[in-house]
Protein backbone atom coordinates (compact mmCIF):
# COMPACT_ATOMS: atom_id res chain seq x y z
CA MET A 1 9.50 -35.79 -5.57
CA LYS A 2 6.15 -34.04 -5.86
CA ASN A 3 5.34 -34.79 -2.22
CA ILE A 4 8.69 -33.36 -1.14
CA LEU A 5 8.01 -30.13 -3.05
CA GLU A 6 4.54 -29.88 -1.51
CA MET A 7 6.01 -30.31 1.97
CA GLU A 8 8.61 -27.61 1.24
CA LYS A 9 5.83 -25.27 0.09
CA ILE A 10 3.76 -25.87 3.25
CA PHE A 11 6.82 -25.38 5.45
CA SER A 12 7.69 -22.14 3.65
CA GLN A 13 4.15 -20.79 4.11
CA GLY A 14 4.23 -21.71 7.81
CA LYS A 15 7.49 -19.81 8.24
CA LYS A 16 5.97 -16.76 6.54
CA TYR A 17 2.96 -16.74 8.89
CA GLU A 18 5.24 -17.17 11.89
CA LYS A 19 7.43 -14.28 10.76
CA PHE A 20 4.35 -12.12 10.18
CA LEU A 21 2.98 -12.79 13.67
CA LYS A 22 6.34 -12.15 15.34
CA LYS A 23 6.71 -8.82 13.53
CA SER A 24 3.14 -7.82 14.45
CA PHE A 25 3.68 -8.56 18.15
CA LEU A 26 6.96 -6.62 18.16
CA ILE A 27 5.10 -3.62 16.72
CA ALA A 28 2.36 -4.01 19.35
CA PHE A 29 4.86 -4.19 22.22
CA ALA A 30 6.67 -1.10 20.89
CA MET A 31 3.37 0.81 20.69
CA CYS A 32 2.45 -0.28 24.22
CA ALA A 33 5.84 0.79 25.58
CA CYS A 34 5.47 4.23 23.99
CA ALA A 35 1.91 4.58 25.31
CA ILE A 36 2.96 3.67 28.85
CA ALA A 37 5.90 6.10 28.73
CA VAL A 38 3.71 8.95 27.44
CA GLY A 39 0.96 8.08 29.94
CA ILE A 40 3.37 8.19 32.88
CA ALA A 41 4.88 11.48 31.67
CA THR A 42 1.45 13.11 31.21
CA LYS A 43 -0.12 11.40 34.27
CA THR A 44 -2.89 9.91 32.12
CA ASP A 45 -5.50 7.69 33.77
CA SER A 46 -4.36 4.03 33.74
CA VAL A 47 -7.74 2.97 32.29
CA TYR A 48 -7.02 4.85 29.06
CA ILE A 49 -3.49 3.46 28.87
CA THR A 50 -4.77 -0.10 29.36
CA ALA A 51 -7.46 0.36 26.70
CA PHE A 52 -4.89 1.73 24.25
CA CYS A 53 -2.49 -1.17 24.93
CA LEU A 54 -5.26 -3.71 24.32
CA ALA A 55 -6.12 -2.00 21.03
CA CYS A 56 -2.46 -2.10 19.97
CA PHE A 57 -2.48 -5.85 19.26
CA PRO A 58 -5.25 -5.95 16.62
CA ALA A 59 -4.02 -2.60 15.29
CA SER A 60 -0.50 -3.99 14.84
CA LEU A 61 -1.86 -6.93 12.83
CA ILE A 62 -3.79 -4.59 10.54
CA LEU A 63 -0.86 -2.19 10.20
CA ASN A 64 1.61 -5.00 9.45
CA TYR A 65 -0.80 -6.57 6.93
CA PHE A 66 -1.25 -3.38 4.94
CA PHE A 67 2.46 -2.55 5.08
CA SER A 68 3.38 -6.07 3.92
CA THR A 69 0.80 -5.81 1.14
CA TYR A 70 2.30 -2.50 0.07
CA LEU A 71 5.77 -4.05 -0.09
CA LEU A 72 4.44 -6.96 -2.16
CA GLU A 73 2.71 -4.57 -4.56
CA SER A 74 5.91 -2.53 -4.89
CA ARG A 75 7.88 -5.72 -5.56
CA LYS A 76 5.35 -6.81 -8.18
CA ARG A 77 5.49 -3.49 -10.02
CA LYS A 78 9.29 -3.63 -10.14
CA MET A 79 9.09 -7.08 -11.75
CA GLU A 80 6.40 -5.96 -14.19
CA ALA A 81 8.67 -3.14 -15.40
CA LEU A 82 11.21 -5.79 -16.49
CA VAL A 83 8.75 -7.81 -18.61
CA PRO A 84 9.33 -5.90 -21.90
CA ASP A 85 13.10 -6.43 -21.65
CA LEU A 86 12.46 -10.09 -20.90
CA LEU A 87 10.34 -10.56 -24.02
CA LEU A 88 12.82 -8.68 -26.20
CA GLN A 89 15.57 -10.98 -24.95
CA ALA A 90 13.39 -14.02 -25.59
CA SER A 91 12.81 -12.88 -29.18
CA ALA A 92 16.59 -12.79 -29.75
CA PHE A 93 17.08 -16.51 -29.11
CA PRO A 94 17.24 -18.61 -32.30
CA ARG A 95 14.69 -21.32 -32.93
CA GLY A 96 15.48 -24.64 -31.27
CA VAL A 97 17.19 -23.28 -28.16
CA SER A 98 16.20 -25.34 -25.11
CA MET A 99 13.93 -23.77 -22.52
CA ASN A 100 16.42 -24.68 -19.78
CA ARG A 101 19.06 -22.56 -21.48
CA ILE A 102 16.63 -19.62 -21.87
CA LEU A 103 15.57 -19.84 -18.23
CA GLY A 104 19.20 -20.12 -17.18
CA PHE A 105 19.99 -16.93 -19.04
CA PHE A 106 17.01 -15.14 -17.48
CA SER A 107 18.11 -16.23 -14.01
CA LYS A 108 21.65 -14.90 -14.48
CA ALA A 109 20.94 -11.77 -16.51
CA ASP A 110 20.18 -8.35 -15.07
CA PHE A 111 16.48 -8.98 -14.40
CA GLY A 112 16.52 -8.18 -10.68
CA LEU A 113 13.67 -9.72 -8.69
CA LEU A 114 12.21 -11.32 -11.80
CA GLY A 115 15.54 -13.04 -12.42
CA LYS A 116 15.38 -14.52 -8.90
CA GLU A 117 11.99 -16.03 -9.73
CA PHE A 118 13.42 -17.66 -12.87
CA GLU A 119 16.27 -19.00 -10.76
CA ILE A 120 13.70 -20.67 -8.47
CA ALA A 121 11.89 -22.08 -11.52
CA LEU A 122 15.18 -23.50 -12.84
CA LEU A 123 15.90 -25.16 -9.49
CA GLU A 124 12.45 -26.75 -9.54
CA ILE A 125 13.14 -28.16 -13.03
CA GLU A 126 16.43 -29.61 -11.80
CA LYS A 127 14.47 -31.34 -8.99
CA GLY A 128 12.21 -33.04 -11.53
CA VAL A 129 9.33 -30.59 -11.98
CA SER A 130 8.19 -30.13 -15.59
CA VAL A 131 8.93 -26.87 -17.38
CA GLU A 132 5.22 -26.05 -17.65
CA ASN A 133 4.57 -26.62 -13.93
CA SER A 134 7.64 -24.64 -12.86
CA LEU A 135 6.53 -21.68 -14.97
CA GLU A 136 2.98 -22.01 -13.61
CA ASN A 137 4.43 -21.89 -10.09
CA LEU A 138 6.32 -18.75 -11.08
CA LYS A 139 3.04 -17.15 -12.16
CA LYS A 140 1.45 -18.02 -8.80
CA ARG A 141 4.35 -16.53 -6.86
CA CYS A 142 4.31 -13.27 -8.83
CA ASN A 143 0.49 -12.95 -8.92
CA SER A 144 0.57 -10.44 -11.78
CA ARG A 145 -1.53 -10.39 -14.95
CA ILE A 146 1.29 -8.75 -16.89
CA ILE A 147 3.80 -11.44 -15.89
CA ASP A 148 1.15 -14.10 -16.56
CA ARG A 149 0.86 -12.96 -20.17
CA ALA A 150 4.62 -13.08 -20.67
CA ILE A 151 4.95 -16.54 -19.08
CA ASP A 152 2.04 -17.84 -21.17
CA LEU A 153 3.96 -16.83 -24.30
CA LEU A 154 7.01 -18.73 -23.05
CA ILE A 155 4.91 -21.82 -22.29
CA ARG A 156 3.23 -21.64 -25.70
CA GLY A 157 6.59 -21.39 -27.41
CA TYR A 158 7.96 -24.34 -25.44
CA GLU A 159 4.94 -26.58 -26.10
CA SER A 160 4.66 -25.80 -29.83
CA GLY A 161 8.36 -25.64 -30.62
CA ALA A 162 7.54 -22.92 -33.13
CA ASP A 163 9.51 -19.74 -33.74
CA LEU A 164 7.72 -17.13 -31.64
CA SER A 165 10.35 -14.40 -31.89
CA SER A 166 7.95 -12.09 -33.73
CA VAL A 167 5.26 -12.74 -31.10
CA PHE A 168 7.70 -11.99 -28.27
CA ARG A 169 8.81 -8.78 -29.99
CA ALA A 170 5.22 -7.65 -30.59
CA GLY A 171 4.38 -8.40 -26.95
CA ALA A 172 7.38 -6.37 -25.77
CA GLU A 173 6.35 -3.39 -27.92
CA ASP A 174 2.80 -3.64 -26.56
CA PHE A 175 4.09 -3.57 -22.97
CA PHE A 176 6.33 -0.57 -23.78
CA GLU A 177 3.37 1.36 -25.20
CA THR A 178 1.18 0.44 -22.22
CA ASN A 179 3.84 1.60 -19.75
CA ALA A 180 4.24 4.87 -21.66
CA LEU A 181 0.49 5.51 -21.47
CA LEU A 182 0.47 4.76 -17.74
CA ARG A 183 3.33 7.20 -17.16
CA GLU A 184 1.46 9.92 -19.07
CA ARG A 185 -1.68 9.29 -17.04
CA ASN A 186 0.22 9.41 -13.75
CA ALA A 187 1.87 12.68 -14.77
CA ALA A 188 -1.54 14.18 -15.54
CA LEU A 189 -2.94 13.09 -12.17
CA VAL A 190 0.02 14.10 -10.01
CA ILE A 191 -1.23 17.72 -9.60
CA GLU A 192 -4.66 16.53 -8.51
CA LYS A 193 -3.07 14.04 -6.13
CA TYR A 194 -0.90 16.57 -4.31
CA THR A 195 -3.73 19.12 -4.26
CA LEU A 196 -5.89 16.63 -2.36
CA LEU A 197 -3.04 15.77 0.00
CA PHE A 198 -2.25 19.44 0.63
CA ALA A 199 -5.92 20.33 1.15
CA GLY A 200 -6.67 17.34 3.37
CA GLY A 201 -3.53 17.70 5.46
CA LEU A 202 -3.17 21.49 5.74
CA ILE A 203 -5.71 23.87 4.18
CA VAL A 204 -9.06 22.41 5.34
CA PRO A 205 -7.90 21.55 8.90
CA ALA A 206 -6.24 24.95 9.30
CA VAL A 207 -9.28 26.91 8.12
CA LEU A 208 -11.68 24.96 10.33
CA GLY A 209 -9.31 25.27 13.29
CA LEU A 210 -9.02 29.04 12.85
CA ILE A 211 -12.81 29.46 12.61
CA ILE A 212 -13.48 27.39 15.74
CA GLY A 213 -10.70 29.13 17.65
CA MET A 214 -12.04 32.54 16.66
CA VAL A 215 -15.65 31.67 17.57
CA SER A 216 -14.55 30.21 20.92
CA GLU A 217 -12.92 33.53 21.89
CA ILE A 218 -15.87 35.75 20.98
CA ASP A 219 -17.69 37.21 24.00
CA PHE A 220 -21.47 36.77 23.60
CA SER A 221 -22.41 38.10 27.06
CA GLY A 222 -23.55 41.42 25.56
CA LEU A 223 -26.07 39.66 23.32
CA GLN A 224 -27.53 37.82 26.29
CA SER A 225 -28.18 41.09 28.14
CA LEU A 226 -30.12 42.25 25.10
CA GLU A 227 -32.06 38.95 25.16
CA LEU A 228 -30.53 37.95 21.85
CA GLY A 229 -29.06 34.56 20.99
CA ILE A 230 -29.11 31.51 23.28
CA GLU A 231 -28.11 30.88 26.87
CA SER A 232 -24.46 30.37 27.77
CA ALA A 233 -24.98 26.70 28.75
CA SER A 234 -26.69 25.93 25.46
CA ARG A 235 -24.05 27.89 23.58
CA LYS A 236 -21.29 25.87 25.26
CA GLU A 237 -23.03 22.61 24.41
CA LEU A 238 -23.51 23.74 20.80
CA LEU A 239 -19.83 24.67 20.52
CA GLU A 240 -18.74 21.27 21.87
CA THR A 241 -21.03 19.51 19.39
CA THR A 242 -19.61 21.63 16.59
CA ILE A 243 -16.03 20.76 17.58
CA PHE A 244 -16.92 17.06 17.65
CA ALA A 245 -18.60 17.29 14.24
CA ASN A 246 -15.52 19.10 12.96
CA GLN A 247 -13.32 16.16 14.00
CA ILE A 248 -15.63 13.70 12.26
CA TYR A 249 -15.57 15.83 9.10
CA LEU A 250 -11.76 15.92 9.10
CA ALA A 251 -11.59 12.13 9.49
CA GLU A 252 -14.11 11.59 6.67
CA TYR A 253 -12.29 14.03 4.39
CA ALA A 254 -8.93 12.34 5.04
CA LEU A 255 -10.34 8.85 4.45
CA LEU A 256 -12.20 9.81 1.27
CA ALA A 257 -9.18 11.68 -0.11
CA SER A 258 -6.92 8.71 0.68
CA PHE A 259 -9.25 6.25 -1.05
CA PHE A 260 -9.69 8.54 -4.08
CA ILE A 261 -5.93 9.02 -4.54
CA ALA A 262 -5.23 5.29 -4.13
CA SER A 263 -7.98 4.44 -6.64
CA GLN A 264 -6.48 6.87 -9.15
CA GLU A 265 -3.15 5.11 -8.81
CA GLY A 266 -4.84 1.77 -9.44
CA ASN A 267 -3.89 0.42 -6.02
CA PRO A 268 -6.79 0.82 -3.51
CA ARG A 269 -4.73 -0.87 -0.78
CA LYS A 270 -2.49 2.19 -0.60
CA ALA A 271 -5.47 4.12 0.80
CA PHE A 272 -4.48 2.86 4.26
CA LEU A 273 -0.99 4.34 3.92
CA TYR A 274 -2.33 7.71 2.75
CA ALA A 275 -4.87 7.72 5.61
CA LEU A 276 -2.08 6.84 8.04
CA PHE A 277 -0.39 10.09 6.97
CA LEU A 278 -3.42 12.37 6.49
CA LEU A 279 -5.34 11.59 9.68
CA PRO A 280 -2.69 12.55 12.27
CA VAL A 281 -1.42 15.49 10.19
CA SER A 282 -4.90 16.99 9.70
CA PHE A 283 -5.76 16.66 13.41
CA ALA A 284 -2.41 18.15 14.43
CA VAL A 285 -2.84 21.14 12.09
CA ASN A 286 -6.42 21.64 13.28
CA ILE A 287 -5.35 21.68 16.93
CA ALA A 288 -2.44 24.02 16.20
CA ALA A 289 -4.72 26.44 14.33
CA LYS A 290 -7.23 26.52 17.23
CA ALA A 291 -4.38 27.19 19.66
CA LEU A 292 -3.52 30.45 17.86
CA PHE A 293 -6.49 32.17 19.55
């Protein structure tokens, strides 16, 4: 029976990798199709289109990985929010109730995604897996310290046979207090978060774009006749260098702001999603501001 379960696990992981690769290649082909269509419409050199298409394949893998990770993190947080209710329900069961009955209730009650995980654990027990191992497998699937603590309490109660209702209730209250503190912290940081997003996406790019656009339109020929300033060729080269440095600064600002916001939220992986929004928006605003002159 154990070998059968191991084979099912390996097969399931193989299917996940296959699905991930298929999705990544579909994204890459879609990006290539869009690039070719835009390139034909704008009469872009085929060398640039080919280079972009080649870059689409590794980019699609990275994009799909971070997006999948974000979905997994979102799923995990939804399950973690249900842990206090789970422990409160566990504390209501009288002493001596079988673990199979408790798990059966958890799998059928309104526990959303967490209930689905208990349903899988119950199916494993019916196939011959021990209660401890099925709950350990649940912990591995969820990959959450908060859920680990709750499952450890269930395992301890099952192994000892003692009445742990007071422990479950105290654990639930602790989780409620922790969640309340996290909500207060997030509320305090929300202004700082949107200030950084607004500055990185609009204010800083717009100001720099307006300055560069204004400087580009100034006529310095009168200064040259007075032998002041630098030559026109050097001035043009300096302006091009300044524009390039401006683009680098915008990219750095967007990346740093994205990482800082994601770190504040306790999820550094979300930095990629914030950067995916800030980078194109900041460049678009910068270009639009320069075009005003």
